[in-house]
Amino acid sequence: MKQPPKWKFAVMVWLAIYPTITIVSFLIGDYIKNFPLPLKTLLMTGILVPLMVFVLLPFLRNLLGNWLNK
């Protein structure tokens, strides 16, 4: 499969990650606000990375496939 231009892939990743970070921060931010920064980062990335790799990026790649490969 042909790889999309890097700028289009970056837009797709941004479309996935910005709202996801915002939602996850809203949902768990109050619970983890007093945790040390490394632990907060560990928890956030532990949620976000699998969600991006297995759910959001495949969904967006399918949704934006025509645009990505033009």
PDB file of N, CA and C in Angstrom:
ATOM      1  N   MET A   1       0.833  -1.174   0.000  1.00  0.00           N
ATOM      2  CA  MET A   1       0.000   0.000   0.000  1.00  0.00           C
ATOM      3  C   MET A   1       0.882   1.244   0.000  1.00  0.00           C
ATOM      4  N   LYS A   2       0.511   2.215  -0.820  1.00  0.00           N
ATOM      5  CA  LYS A   2       1.264   3.449  -0.928  1.00  0.00           C
ATOM      6  C   LYS A   2       1.133   4.263   0.360  1.00  0.00           C
ATOM      7  N   GLN A   3       2.244   4.812   0.810  1.00  0.00           N
ATOM      8  CA  GLN A   3       2.236   5.648   2.012  1.00  0.00           C
ATOM      9  C   GLN A   3       1.738   7.047   1.658  1.00  0.00           C
ATOM     10  N   PRO A   4       0.898   7.631   2.506  1.00  0.00           N
ATOM     11  CA  PRO A   4       0.443   9.001   2.242  1.00  0.00           C
ATOM     12  C   PRO A   4       1.569   9.999   2.508  1.00  0.00           C
ATOM     13  N   PRO A   5       1.427  11.215   1.967  1.00  0.00           N
ATOM     14  CA  PRO A   5       2.417  12.253   2.292  1.00  0.00           C
ATOM     15  C   PRO A   5       2.471  12.460   3.812  1.00  0.00           C
ATOM     16  N   LYS A   6       3.647  12.784   4.302  1.00  0.00           N
ATOM     17  CA  LYS A   6       3.812  12.931   5.754  1.00  0.00           C
ATOM     18  C   LYS A   6       2.905  14.004   6.331  1.00  0.00           C
ATOM     19  N   TRP A   7       2.679  15.087   5.608  1.00  0.00           N
ATOM     20  CA  TRP A   7       1.849  16.157   6.148  1.00  0.00           C
ATOM     21  C   TRP A   7       0.399  15.691   6.315  1.00  0.00           C
ATOM     22  N   LYS A   8      -0.078  14.845   5.409  1.00  0.00           N
ATOM     23  CA  LYS A   8      -1.442  14.325   5.527  1.00  0.00           C
ATOM     24  C   LYS A   8      -1.538  13.343   6.692  1.00  0.00           C
ATOM     25  N   PHE A   9      -0.515  12.533   6.865  1.00  0.00           N
ATOM     26  CA  PHE A   9      -0.502  11.608   7.997  1.00  0.00           C
ATOM     27  C   PHE A   9      -0.465  12.392   9.310  1.00  0.00           C
ATOM     28  N   ALA A  10       0.311  13.475   9.336  1.00  0.00           N
ATOM     29  CA  ALA A  10       0.382  14.315  10.538  1.00  0.00           C
ATOM     30  C   ALA A  10      -0.977  14.937  10.858  1.00  0.00           C
ATOM     31  N   VAL A  11      -1.690  15.382   9.848  1.00  0.00           N
ATOM     32  CA  VAL A  11      -3.037  15.933  10.054  1.00  0.00           C
ATOM     33  C   VAL A  11      -3.955  14.849  10.622  1.00  0.00           C
ATOM     34  N   MET A  12      -3.886  13.643  10.075  1.00  0.00           N
ATOM     35  CA  MET A  12      -4.724  12.548  10.556  1.00  0.00           C
ATOM     36  C   MET A  12      -4.410  12.234  12.027  1.00  0.00           C
ATOM     37  N   VAL A  13      -3.134  12.173  12.371  1.00  0.00           N
ATOM     38  CA  VAL A  13      -2.756  11.900  13.761  1.00  0.00           C
ATOM     39  C   VAL A  13      -3.247  13.017  14.667  1.00  0.00           C
ATOM     40  N   TRP A  14      -3.112  14.257  14.245  1.00  0.00           N
ATOM     41  CA  TRP A  14      -3.591  15.387  15.036  1.00  0.00           C
ATOM     42  C   TRP A  14      -5.101  15.302  15.236  1.00  0.00           C
ATOM     43  N   LEU A  15      -5.832  14.945  14.172  1.00  0.00           N
ATOM     44  CA  LEU A  15      -7.288  14.796  14.279  1.00  0.00           C
ATOM     45  C   LEU A  15      -7.677  13.718  15.286  1.00  0.00           C
ATOM     46  N   ALA A  16      -6.834  12.741  15.459  1.00  0.00           N
ATOM     47  CA  ALA A  16      -7.106  11.680  16.429  1.00  0.00           C
ATOM     48  C   ALA A  16      -6.647  12.065  17.830  1.00  0.00           C
ATOM     49  N   ILE A  17      -5.471  12.626  17.926  1.00  0.00           N
ATOM     50  CA  ILE A  17      -4.875  12.788  19.253  1.00  0.00           C
ATOM     51  C   ILE A  17      -5.379  14.011  20.007  1.00  0.00           C
ATOM     52  N   TYR A  18      -5.629  15.115  19.339  1.00  0.00           N
ATOM     53  CA  TYR A  18      -6.061  16.317  20.059  1.00  0.00           C
ATOM     54  C   TYR A  18      -7.380  16.105  20.815  1.00  0.00           C
ATOM     55  N   PRO A  19      -8.440  15.653  20.145  1.00  0.00           N
ATOM     56  CA  PRO A  19      -9.686  15.453  20.912  1.00  0.00           C
ATOM     57  C   PRO A  19      -9.579  14.327  21.938  1.00  0.00           C
ATOM     58  N   THR A  20      -8.768  13.322  21.649  1.00  0.00           N
ATOM     59  CA  THR A  20      -8.631  12.209  22.582  1.00  0.00           C
ATOM     60  C   THR A  20      -7.928  12.645  23.856  1.00  0.00           C
ATOM     61  N   ILE A  21      -6.849  13.402  23.719  1.00  0.00           N
ATOM     62  CA  ILE A  21      -6.158  13.924  24.904  1.00  0.00           C
ATOM     63  C   ILE A  21      -7.090  14.830  25.693  1.00  0.00           C
ATOM     64  N   THR A  22      -7.846  15.659  24.999  1.00  0.00           N
ATOM     65  CA  THR A  22      -8.776  16.572  25.668  1.00  0.00           C
ATOM     66  C   THR A  22      -9.824  15.796  26.454  1.00  0.00           C
ATOM     67  N   ILE A  23     -10.409  14.778  25.836  1.00  0.00           N
ATOM     68  CA  ILE A  23     -11.455  13.988  26.500  1.00  0.00           C
ATOM     69  C   ILE A  23     -10.891  13.194  27.679  1.00  0.00           C
ATOM     70  N   VAL A  24      -9.761  12.537  27.471  1.00  0.00           N
ATOM     71  CA  VAL A  24      -9.162  11.744  28.550  1.00  0.00           C
ATOM     72  C   VAL A  24      -8.746  12.654  29.704  1.00  0.00           C
ATOM     73  N   SER A  25      -8.184  13.811  29.390  1.00  0.00           N
ATOM     74  CA  SER A  25      -7.815  14.759  30.446  1.00  0.00           C
ATOM     75  C   SER A  25      -9.042  15.218  31.217  1.00  0.00           C
ATOM     76  N   PHE A  26     -10.122  15.477  30.516  1.00  0.00           N
ATOM     77  CA  PHE A  26     -11.367  15.887  31.172  1.00  0.00           C
ATOM     78  C   PHE A  26     -11.899  14.777  32.072  1.00  0.00           C
ATOM     79  N   LEU A  27     -11.848  13.551  31.580  1.00  0.00           N
ATOM     80  CA  LEU A  27     -12.424  12.433  32.326  1.00  0.00           C
ATOM     81  C   LEU A  27     -11.610  12.021  33.550  1.00  0.00           C
ATOM     82  N   ILE A  28     -10.275  12.037  33.432  1.00  0.00           N
ATOM     83  CA  ILE A  28      -9.463  11.541  34.558  1.00  0.00           C
ATOM     84  C   ILE A  28      -8.578  12.609  35.187  1.00  0.00           C
ATOM     85  N   GLY A  29      -8.599  13.812  34.636  1.00  0.00           N
ATOM     86  CA  GLY A  29      -7.707  14.871  35.116  1.00  0.00           C
ATOM     87  C   GLY A  29      -7.818  15.148  36.596  1.00  0.00           C
ATOM     88  N   ASP A  30      -9.046  15.235  37.108  1.00  0.00           N
ATOM     89  CA  ASP A  30      -9.218  15.509  38.538  1.00  0.00           C
ATOM     90  C   ASP A  30      -8.704  14.374  39.412  1.00  0.00           C
ATOM     91  N   TYR A  31      -8.816  13.155  38.924  1.00  0.00           N
ATOM     92  CA  TYR A  31      -8.372  11.997  39.704  1.00  0.00           C
ATOM     93  C   TYR A  31      -6.853  11.892  39.793  1.00  0.00           C
ATOM     94  N   ILE A  32      -6.162  12.390  38.762  1.00  0.00           N
ATOM     95  CA  ILE A  32      -4.701  12.217  38.724  1.00  0.00           C
ATOM     96  C   ILE A  32      -3.946  13.524  38.920  1.00  0.00           C
ATOM     97  N   LYS A  33      -4.642  14.607  39.224  1.00  0.00           N
ATOM     98  CA  LYS A  33      -3.978  15.917  39.297  1.00  0.00           C
ATOM     99  C   LYS A  33      -2.868  15.990  40.346  1.00  0.00           C
ATOM    100  N   ASN A  34      -2.971  15.216  41.399  1.00  0.00           N
ATOM    101  CA  ASN A  34      -1.941  15.254  42.447  1.00  0.00           C
ATOM    102  C   ASN A  34      -0.881  14.166  42.303  1.00  0.00           C
ATOM    103  N   PHE A  35      -0.980  13.371  41.245  1.00  0.00           N
ATOM    104  CA  PHE A  35       0.029  12.339  40.997  1.00  0.00           C
ATOM    105  C   PHE A  35       1.320  13.002  40.520  1.00  0.00           C
ATOM    106  N   PRO A  36       2.470  12.384  40.765  1.00  0.00           N
ATOM    107  CA  PRO A  36       3.724  12.897  40.187  1.00  0.00           C
ATOM    108  C   PRO A  36       3.622  12.882  38.651  1.00  0.00           C
ATOM    109  N   LEU A  37       4.279  13.842  38.044  1.00  0.00           N
ATOM    110  CA  LEU A  37       4.225  13.975  36.578  1.00  0.00           C
ATOM    111  C   LEU A  37       4.555  12.683  35.837  1.00  0.00           C
ATOM    112  N   PRO A  38       5.615  11.944  36.216  1.00  0.00           N
ATOM    113  CA  PRO A  38       5.894  10.699  35.485  1.00  0.00           C
ATOM    114  C   PRO A  38       4.739   9.691  35.557  1.00  0.00           C
ATOM    115  N   LEU A  39       4.046   9.626  36.679  1.00  0.00           N
ATOM    116  CA  LEU A  39       2.917   8.714  36.807  1.00  0.00           C
ATOM    117  C   LEU A  39       1.723   9.190  35.982  1.00  0.00           C
ATOM    118  N   LYS A  40       1.470  10.502  35.977  1.00  0.00           N
ATOM    119  CA  LYS A  40       0.389  11.049  35.140  1.00  0.00           C
ATOM    120  C   LYS A  40       0.653  10.738  33.674  1.00  0.00           C
ATOM    121  N   THR A  41       1.904  10.951  33.264  1.00  0.00           N
ATOM    122  CA  THR A  41       2.272  10.687  31.873  1.00  0.00           C
ATOM    123  C   THR A  41       2.144   9.209  31.547  1.00  0.00           C
ATOM    124  N   LEU A  42       2.563   8.353  32.455  1.00  0.00           N
ATOM    125  CA  LEU A  42       2.449   6.905  32.258  1.00  0.00           C
ATOM    126  C   LEU A  42       0.987   6.497  32.081  1.00  0.00           C
ATOM    127  N   LEU A  43       0.112   7.002  32.927  1.00  0.00           N
ATOM    128  CA  LEU A  43      -1.311   6.665  32.828  1.00  0.00           C
ATOM    129  C   LEU A  43      -1.931   7.191  31.530  1.00  0.00           C
ATOM    130  N   MET A  44      -1.633   8.442  31.203  1.00  0.00           N
ATOM    131  CA  MET A  44      -2.202   9.032  29.986  1.00  0.00           C
ATOM    132  C   MET A  44      -1.726   8.283  28.732  1.00  0.00           C
ATOM    133  N   THR A  45      -0.439   8.017  28.648  1.00  0.00           N
ATOM    134  CA  THR A  45       0.062   7.326  27.465  1.00  0.00           C
ATOM    135  C   THR A  45      -0.382   5.866  27.446  1.00  0.00           C
ATOM    136  N   GLY A  46      -0.552   5.282  28.616  1.00  0.00           N
ATOM    137  CA  GLY A  46      -1.060   3.908  28.686  1.00  0.00           C
ATOM    138  C   GLY A  46      -2.468   3.778  28.147  1.00  0.00           C
ATOM    139  N   ILE A  47      -3.234   4.837  28.238  1.00  0.00           N
ATOM    140  CA  ILE A  47      -4.584   4.870  27.674  1.00  0.00           C
ATOM    141  C   ILE A  47      -4.536   5.284  26.206  1.00  0.00           C
ATOM    142  N   LEU A  48      -3.799   6.348  25.933  1.00  0.00           N
ATOM    143  CA  LEU A  48      -3.835   6.963  24.603  1.00  0.00           C
ATOM    144  C   LEU A  48      -3.161   6.147  23.506  1.00  0.00           C
ATOM    145  N   VAL A  49      -2.011   5.575  23.772  1.00  0.00           N
ATOM    146  CA  VAL A  49      -1.281   4.864  22.711  1.00  0.00           C
ATOM    147  C   VAL A  49      -2.070   3.671  22.176  1.00  0.00           C
ATOM    148  N   PRO A  50      -2.562   2.769  23.026  1.00  0.00           N
ATOM    149  CA  PRO A  50      -3.351   1.660  22.465  1.00  0.00           C
ATOM    150  C   PRO A  50      -4.625   2.132  21.758  1.00  0.00           C
ATOM    151  N   LEU A  51      -5.265   3.149  22.312  1.00  0.00           N
ATOM    152  CA  LEU A  51      -6.468   3.690  21.679  1.00  0.00           C
ATOM    153  C   LEU A  51      -6.162   4.229  20.287  1.00  0.00           C
ATOM    154  N   MET A  52      -5.031   4.907  20.151  1.00  0.00           N
ATOM    155  CA  MET A  52      -4.634   5.450  18.851  1.00  0.00           C
ATOM    156  C   MET A  52      -4.285   4.332  17.871  1.00  0.00           C
ATOM    157  N   VAL A  53      -3.440   3.404  18.309  1.00  0.00           N
ATOM    158  CA  VAL A  53      -2.918   2.375  17.414  1.00  0.00           C
ATOM    159  C   VAL A  53      -3.990   1.384  16.972  1.00  0.00           C
ATOM    160  N   PHE A  54      -4.845   0.983  17.890  1.00  0.00           N
ATOM    161  CA  PHE A  54      -5.793  -0.087  17.585  1.00  0.00           C
ATOM    162  C   PHE A  54      -7.195   0.379  17.209  1.00  0.00           C
ATOM    163  N   VAL A  55      -7.527   1.626  17.526  1.00  0.00           N
ATOM    164  CA  VAL A  55      -8.896   2.087  17.266  1.00  0.00           C
ATOM    165  C   VAL A  55      -8.923   3.317  16.353  1.00  0.00           C
ATOM    166  N   LEU A  56      -8.366   4.422  16.835  1.00  0.00           N
ATOM    167  CA  LEU A  56      -8.563   5.698  16.152  1.00  0.00           C
ATOM    168  C   LEU A  56      -7.830   5.822  14.821  1.00  0.00           C
ATOM    169  N   LEU A  57      -6.562   5.485  14.787  1.00  0.00           N
ATOM    170  CA  LEU A  57      -5.835   5.625  13.515  1.00  0.00           C
ATOM    171  C   LEU A  57      -6.354   4.671  12.441  1.00  0.00           C
ATOM    172  N   PRO A  58      -6.645   3.401  12.747  1.00  0.00           N
ATOM    173  CA  PRO A  58      -7.256   2.561  11.708  1.00  0.00           C
ATOM    174  C   PRO A  58      -8.613   3.106  11.235  1.00  0.00           C
ATOM    175  N   PHE A  59      -9.410   3.604  12.169  1.00  0.00           N
ATOM    176  CA  PHE A  59     -10.708   4.183  11.789  1.00  0.00           C
ATOM    177  C   PHE A  59     -10.523   5.392  10.873  1.00  0.00           C
ATOM    178  N   LEU A  60      -9.637   6.305  11.254  1.00  0.00           N
ATOM    179  CA  LEU A  60      -9.413   7.498  10.437  1.00  0.00           C
ATOM    180  C   LEU A  60      -8.749   7.164   9.103  1.00  0.00           C
ATOM    181  N   ARG A  61      -7.861   6.187   9.106  1.00  0.00           N
ATOM    182  CA  ARG A  61      -7.226   5.776   7.836  1.00  0.00           C
ATOM    183  C   ARG A  61      -8.292   5.259   6.876  1.00  0.00           C
ATOM    184  N   ASN A  62      -9.240   4.501   7.397  1.00  0.00           N
ATOM    185  CA  ASN A  62     -10.329   4.007   6.570  1.00  0.00           C
ATOM    186  C   ASN A  62     -11.233   5.156   6.114  1.00  0.00           C
ATOM    187  N   LEU A  63     -11.552   6.039   7.031  1.00  0.00           N
ATOM    188  CA  LEU A  63     -12.431   7.163   6.729  1.00  0.00           C
ATOM    189  C   LEU A  63     -11.795   8.148   5.746  1.00  0.00           C
ATOM    190  N   LEU A  64     -10.517   8.410   5.913  1.00  0.00           N
ATOM    191  CA  LEU A  64      -9.813   9.425   5.106  1.00  0.00           C
ATOM    192  C   LEU A  64      -8.968   8.807   4.000  1.00  0.00           C
ATOM    193  N   GLY A  65      -9.133   7.532   3.741  1.00  0.00           N
ATOM    194  CA  GLY A  65      -8.287   6.818   2.792  1.00  0.00           C
ATOM    195  C   GLY A  65      -8.150   7.476   1.436  1.00  0.00           C
ATOM    196  N   ASN A  66      -9.258   7.899   0.860  1.00  0.00           N
ATOM    197  CA  ASN A  66      -9.188   8.524  -0.464  1.00  0.00           C
ATOM    198  C   ASN A  66      -8.354   9.814  -0.430  1.00  0.00           C
ATOM    199  N   TRP A  67      -8.587  10.622   0.590  1.00  0.00           N
ATOM    200  CA  TRP A  67      -7.849  11.880   0.719  1.00  0.00           C
ATOM    201  C   TRP A  67      -6.374  11.621   1.001  1.00  0.00           C
ATOM    202  N   LEU A  68      -6.091  10.662   1.870  1.00  0.00           N
ATOM    203  CA  LEU A  68      -4.704  10.372   2.231  1.00  0.00           C
ATOM    204  C   LEU A  68      -3.875   9.940   1.028  1.00  0.00           C
ATOM    205  N   ASN A  69      -4.472   9.210   0.131  1.00  0.00           N
ATOM    206  CA  ASN A  69      -3.717   8.620  -0.971  1.00  0.00           C
ATOM    207  C   ASN A  69      -3.790   9.396  -2.276  1.00  0.00           C
ATOM    208  N   LYS A  70      -4.328  10.597  -2.241  1.00  0.00           N
ATOM    209  CA  LYS A  70      -4.368  11.437  -3.464  1.00  0.00           C
ATOM    210  C   LYS A  70      -3.041  12.105  -3.690  1.00  0.00           C
TER     211      LYS A  70
END
